[in-house]
């Protein structure tokens, strides 16, 4: 069985709404909370989260989200995710994000994402 963080990000490239909802329900607690810089407010519930994630595949067709590394300390997991695909110019693009994740019982209960890797400019 895949870990919940990988299962969750696999849903980001899923174009079928039912399959995407199944991935998110398998990885995210029904009362879990998700937030990132592009979400207008924290998202609660797997249906709302599936709808939000579905905007990614709709707005970036063919792009994927892959967990490239994780580490954990004190019950909190940091996941670095590479979002990649062809840009409007046809060239392959990659954008990274970092997510801080709390789990309970094998499901994500809270996830907060940040754009980029937090590297100083």
PDB file of N, CA and C in Angstrom:
ATOM      1  N   UNK A   1       0.842  -1.192   0.000  1.00  0.00           N
ATOM      2  CA  UNK A   1       0.000   0.000   0.000  1.00  0.00           C
ATOM      3  C   UNK A   1       0.879   1.245   0.000  1.00  0.00           C
ATOM      4  N   UNK A   2       0.482   2.226  -0.751  1.00  0.00           N
ATOM      5  CA  UNK A   2       1.231   3.463  -0.854  1.00  0.00           C
ATOM      6  C   UNK A   2       0.979   4.324   0.383  1.00  0.00           C
ATOM      7  N   UNK A   3       1.928   5.187   0.688  1.00  0.00           N
ATOM      8  CA  UNK A   3       1.718   6.083   1.823  1.00  0.00           C
ATOM      9  C   UNK A   3       0.704   7.157   1.447  1.00  0.00           C
ATOM     10  N   UNK A   4       0.025   7.753   2.439  1.00  0.00           N
ATOM     11  CA  UNK A   4      -1.058   8.693   2.120  1.00  0.00           C
ATOM     12  C   UNK A   4      -0.588   9.944   1.380  1.00  0.00           C
ATOM     13  N   UNK A   5       0.640  10.387   1.605  1.00  0.00           N
ATOM     14  CA  UNK A   5       1.117  11.595   0.930  1.00  0.00           C
ATOM     15  C   UNK A   5       1.285  11.317  -0.563  1.00  0.00           C
ATOM     16  N   UNK A   6       1.899  10.188  -0.907  1.00  0.00           N
ATOM     17  CA  UNK A   6       2.066   9.826  -2.311  1.00  0.00           C
ATOM     18  C   UNK A   6       0.710   9.599  -2.972  1.00  0.00           C
ATOM     19  N   UNK A   7      -0.186   8.903  -2.293  1.00  0.00           N
ATOM     20  CA  UNK A   7      -1.524   8.666  -2.835  1.00  0.00           C
ATOM     21  C   UNK A   7      -2.239   9.988  -3.102  1.00  0.00           C
ATOM     22  N   UNK A   8      -2.135  10.927  -2.170  1.00  0.00           N
ATOM     23  CA  UNK A   8      -2.769  12.226  -2.334  1.00  0.00           C
ATOM     24  C   UNK A   8      -2.232  12.947  -3.577  1.00  0.00           C
ATOM     25  N   UNK A   9      -0.917  12.998  -3.735  1.00  0.00           N
ATOM     26  CA  UNK A   9      -0.367  13.728  -4.875  1.00  0.00           C
ATOM     27  C   UNK A   9      -0.556  12.989  -6.191  1.00  0.00           C
ATOM     28  N   UNK A  10      -0.741  11.680  -6.166  1.00  0.00           N
ATOM     29  CA  UNK A  10      -1.106  10.960  -7.390  1.00  0.00           C
ATOM     30  C   UNK A  10      -2.450  11.463  -7.916  1.00  0.00           C
ATOM     31  N   UNK A  11      -3.325  11.877  -7.022  1.00  0.00           N
ATOM     32  CA  UNK A  11      -4.640  12.380  -7.423  1.00  0.00           C
ATOM     33  C   UNK A  11      -4.540  13.663  -8.242  1.00  0.00           C
ATOM     34  N   UNK A  12      -3.454  14.402  -8.112  1.00  0.00           N
ATOM     35  CA  UNK A  12      -3.332  15.689  -8.800  1.00  0.00           C
ATOM     36  C   UNK A  12      -3.281  15.543 -10.316  1.00  0.00           C
ATOM     37  N   UNK A  13      -2.853  14.412 -10.830  1.00  0.00           N
ATOM     38  CA  UNK A  13      -2.826  14.243 -12.287  1.00  0.00           C
ATOM     39  C   UNK A  13      -3.979  13.374 -12.776  1.00  0.00           C
ATOM     40  N   UNK A  14      -4.890  13.050 -11.883  1.00  0.00           N
ATOM     41  CA  UNK A  14      -6.044  12.222 -12.225  1.00  0.00           C
ATOM     42  C   UNK A  14      -7.138  13.088 -12.833  1.00  0.00           C
ATOM     43  N   UNK A  15      -7.480  12.827 -14.098  1.00  0.00           N
ATOM     44  CA  UNK A  15      -8.494  13.635 -14.777  1.00  0.00           C
ATOM     45  C   UNK A  15      -9.907  13.130 -14.529  1.00  0.00           C
ATOM     46  N   UNK A  16     -10.050  11.868 -14.157  1.00  0.00           N
ATOM     47  CA  UNK A  16     -11.370  11.304 -13.867  1.00  0.00           C
ATOM     48  C   UNK A  16     -11.784  11.699 -12.450  1.00  0.00           C
ATOM     49  N   UNK A  17     -12.889  12.428 -12.329  1.00  0.00           N
ATOM     50  CA  UNK A  17     -13.311  12.960 -11.025  1.00  0.00           C
ATOM     51  C   UNK A  17     -13.554  11.856  -9.999  1.00  0.00           C
ATOM     52  N   UNK A  18     -14.137  10.741 -10.415  1.00  0.00           N
ATOM     53  CA  UNK A  18     -14.422   9.658  -9.473  1.00  0.00           C
ATOM     54  C   UNK A  18     -13.129   9.001  -8.973  1.00  0.00           C
ATOM     55  N   UNK A  19     -12.191   8.765  -9.885  1.00  0.00           N
ATOM     56  CA  UNK A  19     -10.907   8.168  -9.493  1.00  0.00           C
ATOM     57  C   UNK A  19     -10.130   9.121  -8.589  1.00  0.00           C
ATOM     58  N   UNK A  20     -10.183  10.428  -8.903  1.00  0.00           N
ATOM     59  CA  UNK A  20      -9.504  11.421  -8.072  1.00  0.00           C
ATOM     60  C   UNK A  20     -10.100  11.437  -6.666  1.00  0.00           C
ATOM     61  N   UNK A  21     -11.434  11.416  -6.583  1.00  0.00           N
ATOM     62  CA  UNK A  21     -12.108  11.409  -5.283  1.00  0.00           C
ATOM     63  C   UNK A  21     -11.713  10.169  -4.473  1.00  0.00           C
ATOM     64  N   UNK A  22     -11.578   9.023  -5.140  1.00  0.00           N
ATOM     65  CA  UNK A  22     -11.197   7.791  -4.451  1.00  0.00           C
ATOM     66  C   UNK A  22      -9.783   7.901  -3.877  1.00  0.00           C
ATOM     67  N   UNK A  23      -8.850   8.469  -4.644  1.00  0.00           N
ATOM     68  CA  UNK A  23      -7.472   8.662  -4.151  1.00  0.00           C
ATOM     69  C   UNK A  23      -7.459   9.583  -2.928  1.00  0.00           C
ATOM     70  N   UNK A  24      -8.205  10.659  -3.028  1.00  0.00           N
ATOM     71  CA  UNK A  24      -8.222  11.624  -1.925  1.00  0.00           C
ATOM     72  C   UNK A  24      -8.901  11.016  -0.701  1.00  0.00           C
ATOM     73  N   UNK A  25      -9.991  10.309  -0.881  1.00  0.00           N
ATOM     74  CA  UNK A  25     -10.673   9.669   0.252  1.00  0.00           C
ATOM     75  C   UNK A  25      -9.788   8.605   0.899  1.00  0.00           C
ATOM     76  N   UNK A  26      -8.964   7.936   0.108  1.00  0.00           N
ATOM     77  CA  UNK A  26      -8.070   6.902   0.647  1.00  0.00           C
ATOM     78  C   UNK A  26      -6.916   7.498   1.441  1.00  0.00           C
ATOM     79  N   UNK A  27      -6.576   8.758   1.168  1.00  0.00           N
ATOM     80  CA  UNK A  27      -5.394   9.354   1.787  1.00  0.00           C
ATOM     81  C   UNK A  27      -5.693  10.444   2.816  1.00  0.00           C
ATOM     82  N   UNK A  28      -6.855  11.063   2.736  1.00  0.00           N
ATOM     83  CA  UNK A  28      -7.161  12.246   3.545  1.00  0.00           C
ATOM     84  C   UNK A  28      -8.324  11.956   4.486  1.00  0.00           C
ATOM     85  N   UNK A  29      -8.176  12.301   5.736  1.00  0.00           N
ATOM     86  CA  UNK A  29      -9.252  12.151   6.715  1.00  0.00           C
ATOM     87  C   UNK A  29     -10.447  13.005   6.271  1.00  0.00           C
ATOM     88  N   UNK A  30     -11.676  12.507   6.414  1.00  0.00           N
ATOM     89  CA  UNK A  30     -12.841  13.281   5.975  1.00  0.00           C
ATOM     90  C   UNK A  30     -12.971  14.646   6.652  1.00  0.00           C
ATOM     91  N   UNK A  31     -12.366  14.806   7.821  1.00  0.00           N
ATOM     92  CA  UNK A  31     -12.411  16.086   8.533  1.00  0.00           C
ATOM     93  C   UNK A  31     -11.079  16.825   8.450  1.00  0.00           C
ATOM     94  N   UNK A  32     -10.185  16.347   7.582  1.00  0.00           N
ATOM     95  CA  UNK A  32      -8.864  16.959   7.441  1.00  0.00           C
ATOM     96  C   UNK A  32      -8.943  18.359   6.860  1.00  0.00           C
ATOM     97  N   UNK A  33      -7.846  19.093   7.022  1.00  0.00           N
ATOM     98  CA  UNK A  33      -7.766  20.484   6.555  1.00  0.00           C
ATOM     99  C   UNK A  33      -6.552  20.623   5.645  1.00  0.00           C
ATOM    100  N   UNK A  34      -6.758  21.269   4.510  1.00  0.00           N
ATOM    101  CA  UNK A  34      -5.704  21.507   3.523  1.00  0.00           C
ATOM    102  C   UNK A  34      -5.611  23.008   3.263  1.00  0.00           C
ATOM    103  N   UNK A  35      -4.388  23.519   3.149  1.00  0.00           N
ATOM    104  CA  UNK A  35      -4.182  24.934   2.809  1.00  0.00           C
ATOM    105  C   UNK A  35      -2.930  25.061   1.950  1.00  0.00           C
ATOM    106  N   UNK A  36      -2.973  25.964   0.988  1.00  0.00           N
ATOM    107  CA  UNK A  36      -1.785  26.323   0.216  1.00  0.00           C
ATOM    108  C   UNK A  36      -1.952  27.758  -0.267  1.00  0.00           C
ATOM    109  N   UNK A  37      -0.899  28.353  -0.843  1.00  0.00           N
ATOM    110  CA  UNK A  37      -0.984  29.766  -1.223  1.00  0.00           C
ATOM    111  C   UNK A  37      -2.038  30.079  -2.272  1.00  0.00           C
ATOM    112  N   UNK A  38      -2.464  29.087  -3.049  1.00  0.00           N
ATOM    113  CA  UNK A  38      -3.446  29.334  -4.106  1.00  0.00           C
ATOM    114  C   UNK A  38      -4.887  29.110  -3.647  1.00  0.00           C
ATOM    115  N   UNK A  39      -5.055  28.512  -2.497  1.00  0.00           N
ATOM    116  CA  UNK A  39      -6.403  28.296  -1.955  1.00  0.00           C
ATOM    117  C   UNK A  39      -6.842  29.568  -1.239  1.00  0.00           C
ATOM    118  N   UNK A  40      -8.033  30.059  -1.519  1.00  0.00           N
ATOM    119  CA  UNK A  40      -8.471  31.305  -0.894  1.00  0.00           C
ATOM    120  C   UNK A  40      -8.649  31.189   0.626  1.00  0.00           C
ATOM    121  N   UNK A  41      -8.909  29.979   1.104  1.00  0.00           N
ATOM    122  CA  UNK A  41      -9.053  29.708   2.540  1.00  0.00           C
ATOM    123  C   UNK A  41      -8.798  28.225   2.754  1.00  0.00           C
ATOM    124  N   UNK A  42      -8.569  27.786   3.985  1.00  0.00           N
ATOM    125  CA  UNK A  42      -8.363  26.357   4.219  1.00  0.00           C
ATOM    126  C   UNK A  42      -9.551  25.548   3.677  1.00  0.00           C
ATOM    127  N   UNK A  43      -9.236  24.396   3.109  1.00  0.00           N
ATOM    128  CA  UNK A  43     -10.249  23.522   2.510  1.00  0.00           C
ATOM    129  C   UNK A  43     -10.512  22.372   3.463  1.00  0.00           C
ATOM    130  N   UNK A  44     -11.784  22.111   3.707  1.00  0.00           N
ATOM    131  CA  UNK A  44     -12.195  21.032   4.601  1.00  0.00           C
ATOM    132  C   UNK A  44     -13.081  20.059   3.834  1.00  0.00           C
ATOM    133  N   UNK A  45     -12.846  18.786   4.059  1.00  0.00           N
ATOM    134  CA  UNK A  45     -13.664  17.759   3.440  1.00  0.00           C
ATOM    135  C   UNK A  45     -13.075  17.248   2.144  1.00  0.00           C
ATOM    136  N   UNK A  46     -13.205  15.949   1.927  1.00  0.00           N
ATOM    137  CA  UNK A  46     -12.578  15.336   0.764  1.00  0.00           C
ATOM    138  C   UNK A  46     -13.252  15.730  -0.554  1.00  0.00           C
ATOM    139  N   UNK A  47     -14.537  15.993  -0.569  1.00  0.00           N
ATOM    140  CA  UNK A  47     -15.207  16.409  -1.802  1.00  0.00           C
ATOM    141  C   UNK A  47     -14.712  17.786  -2.239  1.00  0.00           C
ATOM    142  N   UNK A  48     -14.675  18.729  -1.314  1.00  0.00           N
ATOM    143  CA  UNK A  48     -14.171  20.070  -1.639  1.00  0.00           C
ATOM    144  C   UNK A  48     -12.709  20.009  -2.058  1.00  0.00           C
ATOM    145  N   UNK A  49     -11.941  19.158  -1.393  1.00  0.00           N
ATOM    146  CA  UNK A  49     -10.522  19.021  -1.726  1.00  0.00           C
ATOM    147  C   UNK A  49     -10.360  18.393  -3.112  1.00  0.00           C
ATOM    148  N   UNK A  50     -11.172  17.398  -3.431  1.00  0.00           N
ATOM    149  CA  UNK A  50     -11.113  16.776  -4.751  1.00  0.00           C
ATOM    150  C   UNK A  50     -11.449  17.796  -5.844  1.00  0.00           C
ATOM    151  N   UNK A  51     -12.432  18.628  -5.606  1.00  0.00           N
ATOM    152  CA  UNK A  51     -12.789  19.671  -6.574  1.00  0.00           C
ATOM    153  C   UNK A  51     -11.627  20.646  -6.763  1.00  0.00           C
ATOM    154  N   UNK A  52     -10.970  21.021  -5.668  1.00  0.00           N
ATOM    155  CA  UNK A  52      -9.833  21.943  -5.739  1.00  0.00           C
ATOM    156  C   UNK A  52      -8.683  21.307  -6.524  1.00  0.00           C
ATOM    157  N   UNK A  53      -8.346  20.061  -6.201  1.00  0.00           N
ATOM    158  CA  UNK A  53      -7.257  19.362  -6.884  1.00  0.00           C
ATOM    159  C   UNK A  53      -7.594  19.179  -8.364  1.00  0.00           C
ATOM    160  N   UNK A  54      -8.859  18.976  -8.671  1.00  0.00           N
ATOM    161  CA  UNK A  54      -9.277  18.823 -10.060  1.00  0.00           C
ATOM    162  C   UNK A  54      -8.979  20.046 -10.909  1.00  0.00           C
ATOM    163  N   UNK A  55      -8.926  21.204 -10.304  1.00  0.00           N
ATOM    164  CA  UNK A  55      -8.577  22.416 -11.044  1.00  0.00           C
ATOM    165  C   UNK A  55      -7.152  22.343 -11.573  1.00  0.00           C
ATOM    166  N   UNK A  56      -6.265  21.616 -10.865  1.00  0.00           N
ATOM    167  CA  UNK A  56      -4.884  21.473 -11.313  1.00  0.00           C
ATOM    168  C   UNK A  56      -4.841  20.759 -12.665  1.00  0.00           C
ATOM    169  N   UNK A  57      -5.477  19.583 -12.747  1.00  0.00           N
ATOM    170  CA  UNK A  57      -5.426  18.842 -14.010  1.00  0.00           C
ATOM    171  C   UNK A  57      -6.185  19.574 -15.117  1.00  0.00           C
ATOM    172  N   UNK A  58      -7.216  20.330 -14.765  1.00  0.00           N
ATOM    173  CA  UNK A  58      -7.953  21.100 -15.767  1.00  0.00           C
ATOM    174  C   UNK A  58      -7.123  22.264 -16.299  1.00  0.00           C
ATOM    175  N   UNK A  59      -6.365  22.923 -15.415  1.00  0.00           N
ATOM    176  CA  UNK A  59      -5.584  24.093 -15.810  1.00  0.00           C
ATOM    177  C   UNK A  59      -4.189  23.754 -16.315  1.00  0.00           C
ATOM    178  N   UNK A  60      -3.709  22.550 -16.002  1.00  0.00           N
ATOM    179  CA  UNK A  60      -2.364  22.135 -16.423  1.00  0.00           C
ATOM    180  C   UNK A  60      -2.445  20.707 -16.975  1.00  0.00           C
ATOM    181  N   UNK A  61      -3.128  20.528 -18.113  1.00  0.00           N
ATOM    182  CA  UNK A  61      -3.307  19.179 -18.641  1.00  0.00           C
ATOM    183  C   UNK A  61      -1.975  18.486 -18.892  1.00  0.00           C
ATOM    184  N   UNK A  62      -1.909  17.219 -18.487  1.00  0.00           N
ATOM    185  CA  UNK A  62      -0.701  16.425 -18.683  1.00  0.00           C
ATOM    186  C   UNK A  62       0.349  16.595 -17.597  1.00  0.00           C
ATOM    187  N   UNK A  63       0.171  17.553 -16.713  1.00  0.00           N
ATOM    188  CA  UNK A  63       1.144  17.759 -15.637  1.00  0.00           C
ATOM    189  C   UNK A  63       0.950  16.700 -14.559  1.00  0.00           C
ATOM    190  N   UNK A  64       2.015  16.443 -13.826  1.00  0.00           N
ATOM    191  CA  UNK A  64       1.985  15.495 -12.723  1.00  0.00           C
ATOM    192  C   UNK A  64       2.500  16.165 -11.458  1.00  0.00           C
ATOM    193  N   UNK A  65       2.194  15.543 -10.347  1.00  0.00           N
ATOM    194  CA  UNK A  65       2.719  15.971  -9.046  1.00  0.00           C
ATOM    195  C   UNK A  65       3.379  14.746  -8.438  1.00  0.00           C
ATOM    196  N   UNK A  66       4.681  14.818  -8.222  1.00  0.00           N
ATOM    197  CA  UNK A  66       5.438  13.683  -7.700  1.00  0.00           C
ATOM    198  C   UNK A  66       6.157  14.071  -6.414  1.00  0.00           C
ATOM    199  N   UNK A  67       5.988  13.249  -5.391  1.00  0.00           N
ATOM    200  CA  UNK A  67       6.724  13.442  -4.144  1.00  0.00           C
ATOM    201  C   UNK A  67       8.173  13.052  -4.415  1.00  0.00           C
ATOM    202  N   UNK A  68       9.106  14.008  -4.250  1.00  0.00           N
ATOM    203  CA  UNK A  68      10.517  13.719  -4.532  1.00  0.00           C
ATOM    204  C   UNK A  68      11.326  13.451  -3.267  1.00  0.00           C
ATOM    205  N   UNK A  69      10.831  13.902  -2.119  1.00  0.00           N
ATOM    206  CA  UNK A  69      11.509  13.576  -0.859  1.00  0.00           C
ATOM    207  C   UNK A  69      10.574  13.853   0.311  1.00  0.00           C
ATOM    208  N   UNK A  70      10.820  13.135   1.383  1.00  0.00           N
ATOM    209  CA  UNK A  70      10.099  13.377   2.637  1.00  0.00           C
ATOM    210  C   UNK A  70      11.075  13.198   3.783  1.00  0.00           C
ATOM    211  N   UNK A  71      10.808  13.886   4.852  1.00  0.00           N
ATOM    212  CA  UNK A  71      11.501  13.646   6.110  1.00  0.00           C
ATOM    213  C   UNK A  71      10.527  13.996   7.223  1.00  0.00           C
ATOM    214  N   UNK A  72      10.792  13.464   8.399  1.00  0.00           N
ATOM    215  CA  UNK A  72       9.843  13.644   9.493  1.00  0.00           C
ATOM    216  C   UNK A  72      10.577  13.953  10.785  1.00  0.00           C
ATOM    217  N   UNK A  73       9.903  14.745  11.623  1.00  0.00           N
ATOM    218  CA  UNK A  73      10.397  15.042  12.954  1.00  0.00           C
ATOM    219  C   UNK A  73       9.188  15.335  13.837  1.00  0.00           C
ATOM    220  N   UNK A  74       9.179  14.758  15.002  1.00  0.00           N
ATOM    221  CA  UNK A  74       8.140  15.018  16.004  1.00  0.00           C
ATOM    222  C   UNK A  74       6.726  14.839  15.460  1.00  0.00           C
ATOM    223  N   UNK A  75       6.510  13.818  14.635  1.00  0.00           N
ATOM    224  CA  UNK A  75       5.178  13.536  14.128  1.00  0.00           C
ATOM    225  C   UNK A  75       4.727  14.393  12.963  1.00  0.00           C
ATOM    226  N   UNK A  76       5.609  15.236  12.440  1.00  0.00           N
ATOM    227  CA  UNK A  76       5.284  16.103  11.310  1.00  0.00           C
ATOM    228  C   UNK A  76       6.157  15.694  10.134  1.00  0.00           C
ATOM    229  N   UNK A  77       5.552  15.526   8.960  1.00  0.00           N
ATOM    230  CA  UNK A  77       6.300  15.146   7.762  1.00  0.00           C
ATOM    231  C   UNK A  77       6.386  16.335   6.828  1.00  0.00           C
ATOM    232  N   UNK A  78       7.591  16.557   6.310  1.00  0.00           N
ATOM    233  CA  UNK A  78       7.797  17.566   5.265  1.00  0.00           C
ATOM    234  C   UNK A  78       7.949  16.814   3.952  1.00  0.00           C
ATOM    235  N   UNK A  79       7.148  17.165   2.972  1.00  0.00           N
ATOM    236  CA  UNK A  79       7.227  16.540   1.651  1.00  0.00           C
ATOM    237  C   UNK A  79       7.582  17.602   0.623  1.00  0.00           C
ATOM    238  N   UNK A  80       8.567  17.306  -0.205  1.00  0.00           N
ATOM    239  CA  UNK A  80       8.901  18.163  -1.329  1.00  0.00           C
ATOM    240  C   UNK A  80       8.270  17.532  -2.565  1.00  0.00           C
ATOM    241  N   UNK A  81       7.525  18.334  -3.304  1.00  0.00           N
ATOM    242  CA  UNK A  81       6.755  17.837  -4.445  1.00  0.00           C
ATOM    243  C   UNK A  81       7.177  18.600  -5.694  1.00  0.00           C
ATOM    244  N   UNK A  82       7.395  17.850  -6.784  1.00  0.00           N
ATOM    245  CA  UNK A  82       7.703  18.445  -8.085  1.00  0.00           C
ATOM    246  C   UNK A  82       6.452  18.372  -8.951  1.00  0.00           C
ATOM    247  N   UNK A  83       5.992  19.522  -9.398  1.00  0.00           N
ATOM    248  CA  UNK A  83       4.881  19.622 -10.327  1.00  0.00           C
ATOM    249  C   UNK A  83       5.498  19.860 -11.700  1.00  0.00           C
ATOM    250  N   UNK A  84       5.219  18.994 -12.659  1.00  0.00           N
ATOM    251  CA  UNK A  84       5.894  19.140 -13.938  1.00  0.00           C
ATOM    252  C   UNK A  84       5.039  18.768 -15.124  1.00  0.00           C
ATOM    253  N   UNK A  85       5.385  19.374 -16.249  1.00  0.00           N
ATOM    254  CA  UNK A  85       4.712  19.093 -17.504  1.00  0.00           C
ATOM    255  C   UNK A  85       5.128  20.125 -18.534  1.00  0.00           C
ATOM    256  N   UNK A  86       4.486  20.071 -19.672  1.00  0.00           N
ATOM    257  CA  UNK A  86       4.808  21.014 -20.739  1.00  0.00           C
ATOM    258  C   UNK A  86       4.129  22.346 -20.493  1.00  0.00           C
ATOM    259  N   UNK A  87       4.913  23.399 -20.637  1.00  0.00           N
ATOM    260  CA  UNK A  87       4.383  24.748 -20.518  1.00  0.00           C
ATOM    261  C   UNK A  87       3.744  25.186 -21.822  1.00  0.00           C
ATOM    262  N   UNK A  88       3.201  26.405 -21.854  1.00  0.00           N
ATOM    263  CA  UNK A  88       2.544  26.906 -23.065  1.00  0.00           C
ATOM    264  C   UNK A  88       3.483  26.960 -24.274  1.00  0.00           C
ATOM    265  N   UNK A  89       4.789  27.075 -24.009  1.00  0.00           N
ATOM    266  CA  UNK A  89       5.759  27.136 -25.102  1.00  0.00           C
ATOM    267  C   UNK A  89       6.217  25.751 -25.565  1.00  0.00           C
ATOM    268  N   UNK A  90       5.675  24.686 -24.950  1.00  0.00           N
ATOM    269  CA  UNK A  90       6.038  23.327 -25.323  1.00  0.00           C
ATOM    270  C   UNK A  90       7.244  22.774 -24.586  1.00  0.00           C
ATOM    271  N   UNK A  91       7.937  23.626 -23.825  1.00  0.00           N
ATOM    272  CA  UNK A  91       9.109  23.180 -23.068  1.00  0.00           C
ATOM    273  C   UNK A  91       8.665  22.574 -21.738  1.00  0.00           C
ATOM    274  N   UNK A  92       9.410  21.576 -21.277  1.00  0.00           N
ATOM    275  CA  UNK A  92       9.099  20.938 -19.993  1.00  0.00           C
ATOM    276  C   UNK A  92       9.431  21.920 -18.857  1.00  0.00           C
ATOM    277  N   UNK A  93       8.499  22.061 -17.950  1.00  0.00           N
ATOM    278  CA  UNK A  93       8.655  22.957 -16.792  1.00  0.00           C
ATOM    279  C   UNK A  93       8.507  22.147 -15.515  1.00  0.00           C
ATOM    280  N   UNK A  94       9.178  22.583 -14.451  1.00  0.00           N
ATOM    281  CA  UNK A  94       9.028  21.977 -13.129  1.00  0.00           C
ATOM    282  C   UNK A  94       8.912  23.095 -12.103  1.00  0.00           C
ATOM    283  N   UNK A  95       7.920  22.963 -11.243  1.00  0.00           N
ATOM    284  CA  UNK A  95       7.752  23.873 -10.113  1.00  0.00           C
ATOM    285  C   UNK A  95       7.732  23.015  -8.861  1.00  0.00           C
ATOM    286  N   UNK A  96       8.382  23.491  -7.813  1.00  0.00           N
ATOM    287  CA  UNK A  96       8.435  22.727  -6.567  1.00  0.00           C
ATOM    288  C   UNK A  96       7.588  23.391  -5.485  1.00  0.00           C
ATOM    289  N   UNK A  97       7.141  22.559  -4.572  1.00  0.00           N
ATOM    290  CA  UNK A  97       6.426  23.032  -3.398  1.00  0.00           C
ATOM    291  C   UNK A  97       6.826  22.177  -2.208  1.00  0.00           C
ATOM    292  N   UNK A  98       6.657  22.729  -1.037  1.00  0.00           N
ATOM    293  CA  UNK A  98       6.893  21.971   0.190  1.00  0.00           C
ATOM    294  C   UNK A  98       5.599  21.941   0.979  1.00  0.00           C
ATOM    295  N   UNK A  99       5.336  20.784   1.550  1.00  0.00           N
ATOM    296  CA  UNK A  99       4.103  20.552   2.294  1.00  0.00           C
ATOM    297  C   UNK A  99       4.458  20.004   3.662  1.00  0.00           C
ATOM    298  N   UNK A 100       3.757  20.481   4.663  1.00  0.00           N
ATOM    299  CA  UNK A 100       3.944  20.005   6.029  1.00  0.00           C
ATOM    300  C   UNK A 100       2.666  19.263   6.398  1.00  0.00           C
ATOM    301  N   UNK A 101       2.838  18.005   6.823  1.00  0.00           N
ATOM    302  CA  UNK A 101       1.729  17.069   6.889  1.00  0.00           C
ATOM    303  C   UNK A 101       1.636  16.402   8.255  1.00  0.00           C
ATOM    304  N   UNK A 102       0.433  16.368   8.788  1.00  0.00           N
ATOM    305  CA  UNK A 102       0.136  15.598   9.998  1.00  0.00           C
ATOM    306  C   UNK A 102      -0.776  14.448   9.586  1.00  0.00           C
ATOM    307  N   UNK A 103      -0.519  13.269  10.142  1.00  0.00           N
ATOM    308  CA  UNK A 103      -1.353  12.104   9.848  1.00  0.00           C
ATOM    309  C   UNK A 103      -1.825  11.473  11.153  1.00  0.00           C
ATOM    310  N   UNK A 104      -2.885  10.698  11.019  1.00  0.00           N
ATOM    311  CA  UNK A 104      -3.412   9.927  12.143  1.00  0.00           C
ATOM    312  C   UNK A 104      -4.137   8.724  11.550  1.00  0.00           C
ATOM    313  N   UNK A 105      -3.812   7.545  12.015  1.00  0.00           N
ATOM    314  CA  UNK A 105      -4.483   6.351  11.527  1.00  0.00           C
ATOM    315  C   UNK A 105      -4.258   6.096  10.048  1.00  0.00           C
ATOM    316  N   UNK A 106      -3.120   6.529   9.507  1.00  0.00           N
ATOM    317  CA  UNK A 106      -2.815   6.292   8.104  1.00  0.00           C
ATOM    318  C   UNK A 106      -3.441   7.272   7.131  1.00  0.00           C
ATOM    319  N   UNK A 107      -4.068   8.333   7.643  1.00  0.00           N
ATOM    320  CA  UNK A 107      -4.661   9.346   6.770  1.00  0.00           C
ATOM    321  C   UNK A 107      -4.147  10.733   7.156  1.00  0.00           C
ATOM    322  N   UNK A 108      -4.121  11.605   6.177  1.00  0.00           N
ATOM    323  CA  UNK A 108      -3.698  12.987   6.389  1.00  0.00           C
ATOM    324  C   UNK A 108      -4.803  13.727   7.140  1.00  0.00           C
ATOM    325  N   UNK A 109      -4.430  14.389   8.232  1.00  0.00           N
ATOM    326  CA  UNK A 109      -5.399  15.177   8.984  1.00  0.00           C
ATOM    327  C   UNK A 109      -5.208  16.681   8.752  1.00  0.00           C
ATOM    328  N   UNK A 110      -3.988  17.052   8.411  1.00  0.00           N
ATOM    329  CA  UNK A 110      -3.696  18.465   8.142  1.00  0.00           C
ATOM    330  C   UNK A 110      -2.516  18.535   7.184  1.00  0.00           C
ATOM    331  N   UNK A 111      -2.658  19.384   6.170  1.00  0.00           N
ATOM    332  CA  UNK A 111      -1.575  19.594   5.211  1.00  0.00           C
ATOM    333  C   UNK A 111      -1.537  21.068   4.856  1.00  0.00           C
ATOM    334  N   UNK A 112      -0.338  21.659   4.965  1.00  0.00           N
ATOM    335  CA  UNK A 112      -0.141  23.053   4.599  1.00  0.00           C
ATOM    336  C   UNK A 112       1.005  23.114   3.604  1.00  0.00           C
ATOM    337  N   UNK A 113       0.755  23.734   2.446  1.00  0.00           N
ATOM    338  CA  UNK A 113       1.748  23.797   1.401  1.00  0.00           C
ATOM    339  C   UNK A 113       2.269  25.200   1.180  1.00  0.00           C
ATOM    340  N   UNK A 114       3.524  25.250   0.681  1.00  0.00           N
ATOM    341  CA  UNK A 114       4.181  26.496   0.354  1.00  0.00           C
ATOM    342  C   UNK A 114       4.790  26.362  -1.034  1.00  0.00           C
ATOM    343  N   UNK A 115       4.696  27.400  -1.845  1.00  0.00           N
ATOM    344  CA  UNK A 115       5.309  27.397  -3.170  1.00  0.00           C
ATOM    345  C   UNK A 115       6.814  27.522  -3.024  1.00  0.00           C
ATOM    346  N   UNK A 116       7.540  26.832  -3.872  1.00  0.00           N
ATOM    347  CA  UNK A 116       9.002  26.902  -3.871  1.00  0.00           C
ATOM    348  C   UNK A 116       9.599  26.038  -2.770  1.00  0.00           C
ATOM    349  N   UNK A 117      10.909  26.185  -2.623  1.00  0.00           N
ATOM    350  CA  UNK A 117      11.642  25.370  -1.649  1.00  0.00           C
ATOM    351  C   UNK A 117      12.094  26.169  -0.434  1.00  0.00           C
ATOM    352  N   UNK A 118      11.724  27.419  -0.384  1.00  0.00           N
ATOM    353  CA  UNK A 118      12.096  28.228   0.772  1.00  0.00           C
ATOM    354  C   UNK A 118      13.545  28.664   0.747  1.00  0.00           C
ATOM    355  N   UNK A 119      14.196  28.532  -0.412  1.00  0.00           N
ATOM    356  CA  UNK A 119      15.605  28.908  -0.520  1.00  0.00           C
ATOM    357  C   UNK A 119      15.731  30.431  -0.540  1.00  0.00           C
ATOM    358  N   UNK A 120      16.768  30.964   0.117  1.00  0.00           N
ATOM    359  CA  UNK A 120      16.961  32.409   0.085  1.00  0.00           C
ATOM    360  C   UNK A 120      17.293  32.858  -1.346  1.00  0.00           C
ATOM    361  N   UNK A 121      16.844  34.045  -1.668  1.00  0.00           N
ATOM    362  CA  UNK A 121      17.097  34.567  -3.021  1.00  0.00           C
ATOM    363  C   UNK A 121      18.423  35.264  -3.081  1.00  0.00           C
TER     364      UNK A 121
END
